[in-house]
Amino acid sequence: MNEESSRPTDKEPFYFKSYDKVIGIAHDIYELRNEIERLMQVDTKALEYHLSEGHIIQWLNYIGEKELASKLMGVKDPKDALEIINTHLKPRNVAMDKEPNTGRRSRRQRRSRHN
């Protein structure tokens, strides 16, 4: 499963807003993580607002990410939220690896002169 296949196409995205201006959009949990990382550099107050008001949790429940939503319950600090999201995504990323990392080069890498 790749990041694209996990995107719920029939669901509304999450809109990060600062006052009446949209400052970020997330269609899935991977984009949510990326937007939180980006917005931590740009508008931390907007992130804190969405976390403290439960908007992100509501959206996660809406798109069917109930486990992640429950992990973020009560989290107000964007750094803590990002850490929780990264930890939640880690098992998915490991499962997506096609070959286990044994420290050895793959057949394709051994054949290539450039490695």
PDB file of N, CA and C in Angstrom:
ATOM      1  N   MET A   1       0.850  -1.183   0.000  1.00  0.00           N
ATOM      2  CA  MET A   1       0.000   0.000   0.000  1.00  0.00           C
ATOM      3  C   MET A   1       0.886   1.233   0.000  1.00  0.00           C
ATOM      4  N   ASN A   2       0.627   2.163  -0.887  1.00  0.00           N
ATOM      5  CA  ASN A   2       1.404   3.389  -0.896  1.00  0.00           C
ATOM      6  C   ASN A   2       0.562   4.538  -0.364  1.00  0.00           C
ATOM      7  N   GLU A   3       1.217   5.696  -0.261  1.00  0.00           N
ATOM      8  CA  GLU A   3       0.523   6.850   0.308  1.00  0.00           C
ATOM      9  C   GLU A   3      -0.687   7.252  -0.518  1.00  0.00           C
ATOM     10  N   GLU A   4      -0.594   7.147  -1.822  1.00  0.00           N
ATOM     11  CA  GLU A   4      -1.711   7.527  -2.686  1.00  0.00           C
ATOM     12  C   GLU A   4      -2.931   6.642  -2.465  1.00  0.00           C
ATOM     13  N   SER A   5      -2.730   5.336  -2.282  1.00  0.00           N
ATOM     14  CA  SER A   5      -3.864   4.433  -2.139  1.00  0.00           C
ATOM     15  C   SER A   5      -4.571   4.606  -0.803  1.00  0.00           C
ATOM     16  N   SER A   6      -3.906   5.264   0.166  1.00  0.00           N
ATOM     17  CA  SER A   6      -4.545   5.461   1.461  1.00  0.00           C
ATOM     18  C   SER A   6      -5.379   6.738   1.492  1.00  0.00           C
ATOM     19  N   ARG A   7      -5.373   7.499   0.419  1.00  0.00           N
ATOM     20  CA  ARG A   7      -6.096   8.762   0.371  1.00  0.00           C
ATOM     21  C   ARG A   7      -7.589   8.514   0.187  1.00  0.00           C
ATOM     22  N   PRO A   8      -8.414   8.928   1.163  1.00  0.00           N
ATOM     23  CA  PRO A   8      -9.863   8.777   1.013  1.00  0.00           C
ATOM     24  C   PRO A   8     -10.415   9.828   0.056  1.00  0.00           C
ATOM     25  N   THR A   9     -10.636   9.468  -1.186  1.00  0.00           N
ATOM     26  CA  THR A   9     -11.027  10.432  -2.213  1.00  0.00           C
ATOM     27  C   THR A   9     -12.444  10.958  -2.043  1.00  0.00           C
ATOM     28  N   ASP A  10     -13.299  10.233  -1.352  1.00  0.00           N
ATOM     29  CA  ASP A  10     -14.686  10.666  -1.222  1.00  0.00           C
ATOM     30  C   ASP A  10     -14.931  11.501   0.033  1.00  0.00           C
ATOM     31  N   LYS A  11     -13.893  11.860   0.744  1.00  0.00           N
ATOM     32  CA  LYS A  11     -14.036  12.623   1.989  1.00  0.00           C
ATOM     33  C   LYS A  11     -13.506  14.041   1.805  1.00  0.00           C
ATOM     34  N   GLU A  12     -14.076  14.945   2.575  1.00  0.00           N
ATOM     35  CA  GLU A  12     -13.610  16.332   2.573  1.00  0.00           C
ATOM     36  C   GLU A  12     -12.219  16.397   3.199  1.00  0.00           C
ATOM     37  N   PRO A  13     -11.328  17.197   2.626  1.00  0.00           N
ATOM     38  CA  PRO A  13     -10.007  17.359   3.240  1.00  0.00           C
ATOM     39  C   PRO A  13     -10.099  18.208   4.500  1.00  0.00           C
ATOM     40  N   PHE A  14      -9.015  18.220   5.256  1.00  0.00           N
ATOM     41  CA  PHE A  14      -8.934  19.093   6.424  1.00  0.00           C
ATOM     42  C   PHE A  14      -8.324  20.412   5.976  1.00  0.00           C
ATOM     43  N   TYR A  15      -8.989  21.494   6.316  1.00  0.00           N
ATOM     44  CA  TYR A  15      -8.503  22.825   5.966  1.00  0.00           C
ATOM     45  C   TYR A  15      -7.937  23.496   7.212  1.00  0.00           C
ATOM     46  N   PHE A  16      -6.645  23.746   7.191  1.00  0.00           N
ATOM     47  CA  PHE A  16      -6.025  24.541   8.251  1.00  0.00           C
ATOM     48  C   PHE A  16      -6.332  25.990   7.921  1.00  0.00           C
ATOM     49  N   LYS A  17      -6.921  26.688   8.888  1.00  0.00           N
ATOM     50  CA  LYS A  17      -7.277  28.087   8.651  1.00  0.00           C
ATOM     51  C   LYS A  17      -6.664  28.968   9.730  1.00  0.00           C
ATOM     52  N   SER A  18      -6.316  30.158   9.306  1.00  0.00           N
ATOM     53  CA  SER A  18      -5.893  31.201  10.219  1.00  0.00           C
ATOM     54  C   SER A  18      -6.809  32.377   9.921  1.00  0.00           C
ATOM     55  N   TYR A  19      -7.711  32.622  10.835  1.00  0.00           N
ATOM     56  CA  TYR A  19      -8.804  33.562  10.633  1.00  0.00           C
ATOM     57  C   TYR A  19      -9.620  33.084   9.434  1.00  0.00           C
ATOM     58  N   ASP A  20      -9.773  33.839   8.387  1.00  0.00           N
ATOM     59  CA  ASP A  20     -10.583  33.403   7.251  1.00  0.00           C
ATOM     60  C   ASP A  20      -9.740  32.885   6.089  1.00  0.00           C
ATOM     61  N   LYS A  21      -8.450  32.749   6.318  1.00  0.00           N
ATOM     62  CA  LYS A  21      -7.535  32.354   5.242  1.00  0.00           C
ATOM     63  C   LYS A  21      -7.132  30.887   5.393  1.00  0.00           C
ATOM     64  N   VAL A  22      -7.234  30.105   4.300  1.00  0.00           N
ATOM     65  CA  VAL A  22      -6.777  28.714   4.299  1.00  0.00           C
ATOM     66  C   VAL A  22      -5.262  28.736   4.178  1.00  0.00           C
ATOM     67  N   ILE A  23      -4.581  28.127   5.157  1.00  0.00           N
ATOM     68  CA  ILE A  23      -3.118  28.127   5.162  1.00  0.00           C
ATOM     69  C   ILE A  23      -2.536  26.730   4.907  1.00  0.00           C
ATOM     70  N   GLY A  24      -3.418  25.739   4.816  1.00  0.00           N
ATOM     71  CA  GLY A  24      -2.960  24.387   4.531  1.00  0.00           C
ATOM     72  C   GLY A  24      -4.136  23.455   4.309  1.00  0.00           C
ATOM     73  N   ILE A  25      -3.882  22.368   3.560  1.00  0.00           N
ATOM     74  CA  ILE A  25      -4.921  21.381   3.269  1.00  0.00           C
ATOM     75  C   ILE A  25      -4.311  19.990   3.393  1.00  0.00           C
ATOM     76  N   ALA A  26      -5.058  19.086   4.025  1.00  0.00           N
ATOM     77  CA  ALA A  26      -4.625  17.691   4.140  1.00  0.00           C
ATOM     78  C   ALA A  26      -5.764  16.784   3.685  1.00  0.00           C
ATOM     79  N   HIS A  27      -5.438  15.856   2.779  1.00  0.00           N
ATOM     80  CA  HIS A  27      -6.424  14.897   2.280  1.00  0.00           C
ATOM     81  C   HIS A  27      -6.330  13.551   2.994  1.00  0.00           C
ATOM     82  N   ASP A  28      -5.211  13.289   3.668  1.00  0.00           N
ATOM     83  CA  ASP A  28      -4.994  12.021   4.366  1.00  0.00           C
ATOM     84  C   ASP A  28      -4.010  12.259   5.510  1.00  0.00           C
ATOM     85  N   ILE A  29      -3.696  11.203   6.243  1.00  0.00           N
ATOM     86  CA  ILE A  29      -2.841  11.388   7.415  1.00  0.00           C
ATOM     87  C   ILE A  29      -1.395  11.697   7.045  1.00  0.00           C
ATOM     88  N   TYR A  30      -0.966  11.309   5.863  1.00  0.00           N
ATOM     89  CA  TYR A  30       0.389  11.646   5.423  1.00  0.00           C
ATOM     90  C   TYR A  30       0.496  13.143   5.133  1.00  0.00           C
ATOM     91  N   GLU A  31      -0.500  13.665   4.466  1.00  0.00           N
ATOM     92  CA  GLU A  31      -0.521  15.101   4.211  1.00  0.00           C
ATOM     93  C   GLU A  31      -0.726  15.877   5.509  1.00  0.00           C
ATOM     94  N   LEU A  32      -1.496  15.328   6.436  1.00  0.00           N
ATOM     95  CA  LEU A  32      -1.683  15.965   7.743  1.00  0.00           C
ATOM     96  C   LEU A  32      -0.329  16.124   8.417  1.00  0.00           C
ATOM     97  N   ARG A  33       0.458  15.051   8.428  1.00  0.00           N
ATOM     98  CA  ARG A  33       1.793  15.115   9.030  1.00  0.00           C
ATOM     99  C   ARG A  33       2.644  16.178   8.336  1.00  0.00           C
ATOM    100  N   ASN A  34       2.645  16.178   7.008  1.00  0.00           N
ATOM    101  CA  ASN A  34       3.462  17.142   6.268  1.00  0.00           C
ATOM    102  C   ASN A  34       3.031  18.580   6.514  1.00  0.00           C
ATOM    103  N   GLU A  35       1.737  18.804   6.574  1.00  0.00           N
ATOM    104  CA  GLU A  35       1.233  20.164   6.824  1.00  0.00           C
ATOM    105  C   GLU A  35       1.567  20.617   8.247  1.00  0.00           C
ATOM    106  N   ILE A  36       1.470  19.721   9.211  1.00  0.00           N
ATOM    107  CA  ILE A  36       1.831  20.088  10.584  1.00  0.00           C
ATOM    108  C   ILE A  36       3.306  20.464  10.638  1.00  0.00           C
ATOM    109  N   GLU A  37       4.162  19.667   9.991  1.00  0.00           N
ATOM    110  CA  GLU A  37       5.595  19.999   9.953  1.00  0.00           C
ATOM    111  C   GLU A  37       5.816  21.380   9.342  1.00  0.00           C
ATOM    112  N   ARG A  38       5.163  21.643   8.222  1.00  0.00           N
ATOM    113  CA  ARG A  38       5.330  22.920   7.532  1.00  0.00           C
ATOM    114  C   ARG A  38       4.792  24.077   8.364  1.00  0.00           C
ATOM    115  N   LEU A  39       3.593  23.886   8.911  1.00  0.00           N
ATOM    116  CA  LEU A  39       2.953  24.974   9.653  1.00  0.00           C
ATOM    117  C   LEU A  39       3.619  25.258  10.994  1.00  0.00           C
ATOM    118  N   MET A  40       4.374  24.300  11.508  1.00  0.00           N
ATOM    119  CA  MET A  40       5.132  24.550  12.739  1.00  0.00           C
ATOM    120  C   MET A  40       6.162  25.659  12.509  1.00  0.00           C
ATOM    121  N   GLN A  41       6.601  25.820  11.272  1.00  0.00           N
ATOM    122  CA  GLN A  41       7.555  26.869  10.915  1.00  0.00           C
ATOM    123  C   GLN A  41       6.857  28.180  10.547  1.00  0.00           C
ATOM    124  N   VAL A  42       5.579  28.093  10.187  1.00  0.00           N
ATOM    125  CA  VAL A  42       4.876  29.249   9.622  1.00  0.00           C
ATOM    126  C   VAL A  42       3.847  29.849  10.591  1.00  0.00           C
ATOM    127  N   ASP A  43       2.995  29.007  11.192  1.00  0.00           N
ATOM    128  CA  ASP A  43       1.894  29.512  12.013  1.00  0.00           C
ATOM    129  C   ASP A  43       1.549  28.518  13.128  1.00  0.00           C
ATOM    130  N   THR A  44       2.365  28.497  14.148  1.00  0.00           N
ATOM    131  CA  THR A  44       2.174  27.570  15.273  1.00  0.00           C
ATOM    132  C   THR A  44       0.855  27.826  15.989  1.00  0.00           C
ATOM    133  N   LYS A  45       0.464  29.083  16.081  1.00  0.00           N
ATOM    134  CA  LYS A  45      -0.785  29.433  16.791  1.00  0.00           C
ATOM    135  C   LYS A  45      -2.006  28.792  16.126  1.00  0.00           C
ATOM    136  N   ALA A  46      -2.023  28.753  14.797  1.00  0.00           N
ATOM    137  CA  ALA A  46      -3.141  28.120  14.096  1.00  0.00           C
ATOM    138  C   ALA A  46      -3.182  26.625  14.397  1.00  0.00           C
ATOM    139  N   LEU A  47      -2.028  25.980  14.435  1.00  0.00           N
ATOM    140  CA  LEU A  47      -1.975  24.556  14.780  1.00  0.00           C
ATOM    141  C   LEU A  47      -2.488  24.322  16.196  1.00  0.00           C
ATOM    142  N   GLU A  48      -2.018  25.141  17.132  1.00  0.00           N
ATOM    143  CA  GLU A  48      -2.460  25.012  18.521  1.00  0.00           C
ATOM    144  C   GLU A  48      -3.973  25.185  18.618  1.00  0.00           C
ATOM    145  N   TYR A  49      -4.511  26.115  17.869  1.00  0.00           N
ATOM    146  CA  TYR A  49      -5.952  26.352  17.859  1.00  0.00           C
ATOM    147  C   TYR A  49      -6.704  25.112  17.379  1.00  0.00           C
ATOM    148  N   HIS A  50      -6.311  24.562  16.229  1.00  0.00           N
ATOM    149  CA  HIS A  50      -7.002  23.390  15.679  1.00  0.00           C
ATOM    150  C   HIS A  50      -6.880  22.180  16.604  1.00  0.00           C
ATOM    151  N   LEU A  51      -5.731  22.028  17.245  1.00  0.00           N
ATOM    152  CA  LEU A  51      -5.558  20.911  18.189  1.00  0.00           C
ATOM    153  C   LEU A  51      -6.404  21.118  19.439  1.00  0.00           C
ATOM    154  N   SER A  52      -6.338  22.305  20.028  1.00  0.00           N
ATOM    155  CA  SER A  52      -7.061  22.542  21.281  1.00  0.00           C
ATOM    156  C   SER A  52      -8.578  22.516  21.105  1.00  0.00           C
ATOM    157  N   GLU A  53      -9.055  22.888  19.927  1.00  0.00           N
ATOM    158  CA  GLU A  53     -10.495  22.870  19.654  1.00  0.00           C
ATOM    159  C   GLU A  53     -10.995  21.501  19.186  1.00  0.00           C
ATOM    160  N   GLY A  54     -10.085  20.577  18.952  1.00  0.00           N
ATOM    161  CA  GLY A  54     -10.475  19.217  18.553  1.00  0.00           C
ATOM    162  C   GLY A  54     -10.829  19.068  17.084  1.00  0.00           C
ATOM    163  N   HIS A  55     -10.508  20.068  16.273  1.00  0.00           N
ATOM    164  CA  HIS A  55     -10.860  20.007  14.850  1.00  0.00           C
ATOM    165  C   HIS A  55     -10.157  18.855  14.134  1.00  0.00           C
ATOM    166  N   ILE A  56      -8.890  18.650  14.437  1.00  0.00           N
ATOM    167  CA  ILE A  56      -8.130  17.580  13.783  1.00  0.00           C
ATOM    168  C   ILE A  56      -8.670  16.220  14.199  1.00  0.00           C
ATOM    169  N   ILE A  57      -9.008  16.076  15.455  1.00  0.00           N
ATOM    170  CA  ILE A  57      -9.580  14.814  15.961  1.00  0.00           C
ATOM    171  C   ILE A  57     -10.916  14.520  15.275  1.00  0.00           C
ATOM    172  N   GLN A  58     -11.755  15.546  15.157  1.00  0.00           N
ATOM    173  CA  GLN A  58     -13.041  15.360  14.480  1.00  0.00           C
ATOM    174  C   GLN A  58     -12.838  14.907  13.039  1.00  0.00           C
ATOM    175  N   TRP A  59     -11.899  15.534  12.342  1.00  0.00           N
ATOM    176  CA  TRP A  59     -11.639  15.174  10.951  1.00  0.00           C
ATOM    177  C   TRP A  59     -11.080  13.759  10.842  1.00  0.00           C
ATOM    178  N   LEU A  60     -10.174  13.390  11.737  1.00  0.00           N
ATOM    179  CA  LEU A  60      -9.618  12.029  11.714  1.00  0.00           C
ATOM    180  C   LEU A  60     -10.720  10.990  11.925  1.00  0.00           C
ATOM    181  N   ASN A  61     -11.628  11.249  12.841  1.00  0.00           N
ATOM    182  CA  ASN A  61     -12.766  10.343  13.025  1.00  0.00           C
ATOM    183  C   ASN A  61     -13.616  10.274  11.758  1.00  0.00           C
ATOM    184  N   TYR A  62     -13.823  11.406  11.133  1.00  0.00           N
ATOM    185  CA  TYR A  62     -14.625  11.494   9.906  1.00  0.00           C
ATOM    186  C   TYR A  62     -14.031  10.652   8.775  1.00  0.00           C
ATOM    187  N   ILE A  63     -12.690  10.655   8.646  1.00  0.00           N
ATOM    188  CA  ILE A  63     -12.069   9.888   7.554  1.00  0.00           C
ATOM    189  C   ILE A  63     -11.774   8.441   7.955  1.00  0.00           C
ATOM    190  N   GLY A  64     -12.179   8.063   9.167  1.00  0.00           N
ATOM    191  CA  GLY A  64     -12.019   6.671   9.589  1.00  0.00           C
ATOM    192  C   GLY A  64     -10.729   6.360  10.321  1.00  0.00           C
ATOM    193  N   GLU A  65      -9.965   7.375  10.690  1.00  0.00           N
ATOM    194  CA  GLU A  65      -8.709   7.183  11.428  1.00  0.00           C
ATOM    195  C   GLU A  65      -8.971   7.335  12.920  1.00  0.00           C
ATOM    196  N   LYS A  66      -9.840   6.479  13.431  1.00  0.00           N
ATOM    197  CA  LYS A  66     -10.282   6.583  14.829  1.00  0.00           C
ATOM    198  C   LYS A  66      -9.154   6.299  15.825  1.00  0.00           C
ATOM    199  N   GLU A  67      -8.268   5.369  15.482  1.00  0.00           N
ATOM    200  CA  GLU A  67      -7.160   5.039  16.383  1.00  0.00           C
ATOM    201  C   GLU A  67      -6.242   6.253  16.577  1.00  0.00           C
ATOM    202  N   LEU A  68      -5.876   6.896  15.477  1.00  0.00           N
ATOM    203  CA  LEU A  68      -5.026   8.084  15.572  1.00  0.00           C
ATOM    204  C   LEU A  68      -5.765   9.213  16.284  1.00  0.00           C
ATOM    205  N   ALA A  69      -7.036   9.361  16.008  1.00  0.00           N
ATOM    206  CA  ALA A  69      -7.836  10.401  16.677  1.00  0.00           C
ATOM    207  C   ALA A  69      -7.803  10.210  18.188  1.00  0.00           C
ATOM    208  N   SER A  70      -7.939   8.975  18.642  1.00  0.00           N
ATOM    209  CA  SER A  70      -7.927   8.729  20.089  1.00  0.00           C
ATOM    210  C   SER A  70      -6.556   8.994  20.693  1.00  0.00           C
ATOM    211  N   LYS A  71      -5.495   8.746  19.923  1.00  0.00           N
ATOM    212  CA  LYS A  71      -4.136   9.024  20.410  1.00  0.00           C
ATOM    213  C   LYS A  71      -3.881  10.527  20.553  1.00  0.00           C
ATOM    214  N   LEU A  72      -4.555  11.327  19.739  1.00  0.00           N
ATOM    215  CA  LEU A  72      -4.362  12.777  19.772  1.00  0.00           C
ATOM    216  C   LEU A  72      -5.311  13.493  20.735  1.00  0.00           C
ATOM    217  N   MET A  73      -6.204  12.738  21.358  1.00  0.00           N
ATOM    218  CA  MET A  73      -7.165  13.310  22.296  1.00  0.00           C
ATOM    219  C   MET A  73      -6.426  14.064  23.415  1.00  0.00           C
ATOM    220  N   GLY A  74      -6.738  15.330  23.577  1.00  0.00           N
ATOM    221  CA  GLY A  74      -6.143  16.136  24.642  1.00  0.00           C
ATOM    222  C   GLY A  74      -4.782  16.732  24.304  1.00  0.00           C
ATOM    223  N   VAL A  75      -4.228  16.428  23.154  1.00  0.00           N
ATOM    224  CA  VAL A  75      -2.928  16.967  22.757  1.00  0.00           C
ATOM    225  C   VAL A  75      -3.128  18.375  22.199  1.00  0.00           C
ATOM    226  N   LYS A  76      -2.354  19.309  22.739  1.00  0.00           N
ATOM    227  CA  LYS A  76      -2.477  20.698  22.301  1.00  0.00           C
ATOM    228  C   LYS A  76      -1.182  21.219  21.668  1.00  0.00           C
ATOM    229  N   ASP A  77      -0.081  20.559  21.953  1.00  0.00           N
ATOM    230  CA  ASP A  77       1.221  20.997  21.440  1.00  0.00           C
ATOM    231  C   ASP A  77       1.490  20.361  20.079  1.00  0.00           C
ATOM    232  N   PRO A  78       1.746  21.184  19.051  1.00  0.00           N
ATOM    233  CA  PRO A  78       2.000  20.638  17.715  1.00  0.00           C
ATOM    234  C   PRO A  78       3.173  19.650  17.663  1.00  0.00           C
ATOM    235  N   LYS A  79       4.217  19.887  18.456  1.00  0.00           N
ATOM    236  CA  LYS A  79       5.365  18.964  18.475  1.00  0.00           C
ATOM    237  C   LYS A  79       4.938  17.596  18.982  1.00  0.00           C
ATOM    238  N   ASP A  80       4.118  17.576  20.034  1.00  0.00           N
ATOM    239  CA  ASP A  80       3.609  16.311  20.567  1.00  0.00           C
ATOM    240  C   ASP A  80       2.712  15.619  19.544  1.00  0.00           C
ATOM    241  N   ALA A  81       1.870  16.392  18.873  1.00  0.00           N
ATOM    242  CA  ALA A  81       0.976  15.826  17.856  1.00  0.00           C
ATOM    243  C   ALA A  81       1.777  15.211  16.722  1.00  0.00           C
ATOM    244  N   LEU A  82       2.810  15.901  16.270  1.00  0.00           N
ATOM    245  CA  LEU A  82       3.645  15.390  15.186  1.00  0.00           C
ATOM    246  C   LEU A  82       4.340  14.092  15.589  1.00  0.00           C
ATOM    247  N   GLU A  83       4.830  14.040  16.805  1.00  0.00           N
ATOM    248  CA  GLU A  83       5.487  12.819  17.305  1.00  0.00           C
ATOM    249  C   GLU A  83       4.501  11.645  17.340  1.00  0.00           C
ATOM    250  N   ILE A  84       3.288  11.895  17.793  1.00  0.00           N
ATOM    251  CA  ILE A  84       2.258  10.849  17.847  1.00  0.00           C
ATOM    252  C   ILE A  84       1.906  10.371  16.440  1.00  0.00           C
ATOM    253  N   ILE A  85       1.757  11.297  15.514  1.00  0.00           N
ATOM    254  CA  ILE A  85       1.422  10.933  14.132  1.00  0.00           C
ATOM    255  C   ILE A  85       2.554  10.120  13.511  1.00  0.00           C
ATOM    256  N   ASN A  86       3.804  10.560  13.700  1.00  0.00           N
ATOM    257  CA  ASN A  86       4.940   9.819  13.155  1.00  0.00           C
ATOM    258  C   ASN A  86       5.022   8.413  13.733  1.00  0.00           C
ATOM    259  N   THR A  87       4.788   8.280  15.027  1.00  0.00           N
ATOM    260  CA  THR A  87       4.804   6.957  15.671  1.00  0.00           C
ATOM    261  C   THR A  87       3.676   6.086  15.121  1.00  0.00           C
ATOM    262  N   HIS A  88       2.525   6.688  14.906  1.00  0.00           N
ATOM    263  CA  HIS A  88       1.377   5.960  14.353  1.00  0.00           C
ATOM    264  C   HIS A  88       1.653   5.482  12.931  1.00  0.00           C
ATOM    265  N   LEU A  89       2.338   6.309  12.150  1.00  0.00           N
ATOM    266  CA  LEU A  89       2.629   5.957  10.755  1.00  0.00           C
ATOM    267  C   LEU A  89       3.787   4.983  10.615  1.00  0.00           C
ATOM    268  N   LYS A  90       4.655   4.906  11.608  1.00  0.00           N
ATOM    269  CA  LYS A  90       5.844   4.068  11.500  1.00  0.00           C
ATOM    270  C   LYS A  90       5.531   2.620  11.153  1.00  0.00           C
ATOM    271  N   PRO A  91       4.578   1.943  11.820  1.00  0.00           N
ATOM    272  CA  PRO A  91       4.282   0.550  11.431  1.00  0.00           C
ATOM    273  C   PRO A  91       3.809   0.427   9.992  1.00  0.00           C
ATOM    274  N   ARG A  92       3.087   1.415   9.491  1.00  0.00           N
ATOM    275  CA  ARG A  92       2.625   1.390   8.104  1.00  0.00           C
ATOM    276  C   ARG A  92       3.805   1.502   7.146  1.00  0.00           C
ATOM    277  N   ASN A  93       4.751   2.377   7.487  1.00  0.00           N
ATOM    278  CA  ASN A  93       5.916   2.558   6.624  1.00  0.00           C
ATOM    279  C   ASN A  93       6.770   1.293   6.595  1.00  0.00           C
ATOM    280  N   VAL A  94       6.917   0.627   7.720  1.00  0.00           N
ATOM    281  CA  VAL A  94       7.689  -0.610   7.774  1.00  0.00           C
ATOM    282  C   VAL A  94       6.998  -1.681   6.949  1.00  0.00           C
ATOM    283  N   ALA A  95       5.678  -1.761   7.046  1.00  0.00           N
ATOM    284  CA  ALA A  95       4.929  -2.769   6.292  1.00  0.00           C
ATOM    285  C   ALA A  95       5.014  -2.505   4.796  1.00  0.00           C
ATOM    286  N   MET A  96       5.237  -1.256   4.390  1.00  0.00           N
ATOM    287  CA  MET A  96       5.298  -0.921   2.977  1.00  0.00           C
ATOM    288  C   MET A  96       6.655  -1.263   2.367  1.00  0.00           C
ATOM    289  N   ASP A  97       7.696  -1.477   3.208  1.00  0.00           N
ATOM    290  CA  ASP A  97       9.004  -1.839   2.674  1.00  0.00           C
ATOM    291  C   ASP A  97       8.899  -3.155   1.932  1.00  0.00           C
ATOM    292  N   LYS A  98       9.480  -3.197   0.756  1.00  0.00           N
ATOM    293  CA  LYS A  98       9.390  -4.395  -0.066  1.00  0.00           C
ATOM    294  C   LYS A  98      10.432  -5.429   0.330  1.00  0.00           C
ATOM    295  N   GLU A  99      11.594  -5.006   0.743  1.00  0.00           N
ATOM    296  CA  GLU A  99      12.650  -5.914   1.150  1.00  0.00           C
ATOM    297  C   GLU A  99      13.121  -5.507   2.535  1.00  0.00           C
ATOM    298  N   PRO A 100      13.341  -6.460   3.427  1.00  0.00           N
ATOM    299  CA  PRO A 100      13.858  -6.092   4.740  1.00  0.00           C
ATOM    300  C   PRO A 100      15.287  -5.576   4.596  1.00  0.00           C
ATOM    301  N   ASN A 101      15.667  -4.638   5.426  1.00  0.00           N
ATOM    302  CA  ASN A 101      17.014  -4.091   5.375  1.00  0.00           C
ATOM    303  C   ASN A 101      17.938  -5.014   6.145  1.00  0.00           C
ATOM    304  N   THR A 102      18.705  -5.794   5.414  1.00  0.00           N
ATOM    305  CA  THR A 102      19.626  -6.745   6.049  1.00  0.00           C
ATOM    306  C   THR A 102      21.048  -6.220   6.067  1.00  0.00           C
ATOM    307  N   GLY A 103      21.244  -5.000   5.553  1.00  0.00           N
ATOM    308  CA  GLY A 103      22.576  -4.447   5.475  1.00  0.00           C
ATOM    309  C   GLY A 103      23.297  -4.886   4.213  1.00  0.00           C
ATOM    310  N   ARG A 104      22.692  -5.784   3.460  1.00  0.00           N
ATOM    311  CA  ARG A 104      23.269  -6.257   2.205  1.00  0.00           C
ATOM    312  C   ARG A 104      22.648  -5.500   1.051  1.00  0.00           C
ATOM    313  N   ARG A 105      23.383  -5.410  -0.023  1.00  0.00           N
ATOM    314  CA  ARG A 105      22.867  -4.751  -1.214  1.00  0.00           C
ATOM    315  C   ARG A 105      21.957  -5.704  -1.970  1.00  0.00           C
ATOM    316  N   SER A 106      20.912  -5.155  -2.580  1.00  0.00           N
ATOM    317  CA  SER A 106      19.990  -5.966  -3.375  1.00  0.00           C
ATOM    318  C   SER A 106      20.674  -6.406  -4.659  1.00  0.00           C
ATOM    319  N   ARG A 107      20.078  -7.348  -5.335  1.00  0.00           N
ATOM    320  CA  ARG A 107      20.612  -7.822  -6.607  1.00  0.00           C
ATOM    321  C   ARG A 107      20.782  -6.674  -7.600  1.00  0.00           C
ATOM    322  N   ARG A 108      19.755  -5.820  -7.650  1.00  0.00           N
ATOM    323  CA  ARG A 108      19.794  -4.688  -8.563  1.00  0.00           C
ATOM    324  C   ARG A 108      20.941  -3.752  -8.203  1.00  0.00           C
ATOM    325  N   GLN A 109      21.144  -3.503  -6.900  1.00  0.00           N
ATOM    326  CA  GLN A 109      22.235  -2.630  -6.482  1.00  0.00           C
ATOM    327  C   GLN A 109      23.594  -3.247  -6.801  1.00  0.00           C
ATOM    328  N   ARG A 110      23.718  -4.563  -6.637  1.00  0.00           N
ATOM    329  CA  ARG A 110      24.997  -5.227  -6.922  1.00  0.00           C
ATOM    330  C   ARG A 110      25.322  -5.187  -8.404  1.00  0.00           C
ATOM    331  N   ARG A 111      24.287  -5.208  -9.249  1.00  0.00           N
ATOM    332  CA  ARG A 111      24.495  -5.172 -10.691  1.00  0.00           C
ATOM    333  C   ARG A 111      24.882  -3.791 -11.202  1.00  0.00           C
ATOM    334  N   SER A 112      24.419  -2.772 -10.491  1.00  0.00           N
ATOM    335  CA  SER A 112      24.653  -1.406 -10.940  1.00  0.00           C
ATOM    336  C   SER A 112      26.101  -1.005 -10.669  1.00  0.00           C
ATOM    337  N   ARG A 113      26.712  -0.337 -11.624  1.00  0.00           N
ATOM    338  CA  ARG A 113      28.094   0.125 -11.474  1.00  0.00           C
ATOM    339  C   ARG A 113      28.156   1.416 -10.662  1.00  0.00           C
ATOM    340  N   HIS A 114      27.020   2.081 -10.541  1.00  0.00           N
ATOM    341  CA  HIS A 114      27.017   3.399  -9.913  1.00  0.00           C
ATOM    342  C   HIS A 114      26.920   3.331  -8.403  1.00  0.00           C
ATOM    343  N   ASN A 115      26.704   2.163  -7.819  1.00  0.00           N
ATOM    344  CA  ASN A 115      26.571   2.050  -6.354  1.00  0.00           C
ATOM    345  C   ASN A 115      27.843   1.595  -5.710  1.00  0.00           C
TER     346      ASN A 115
END
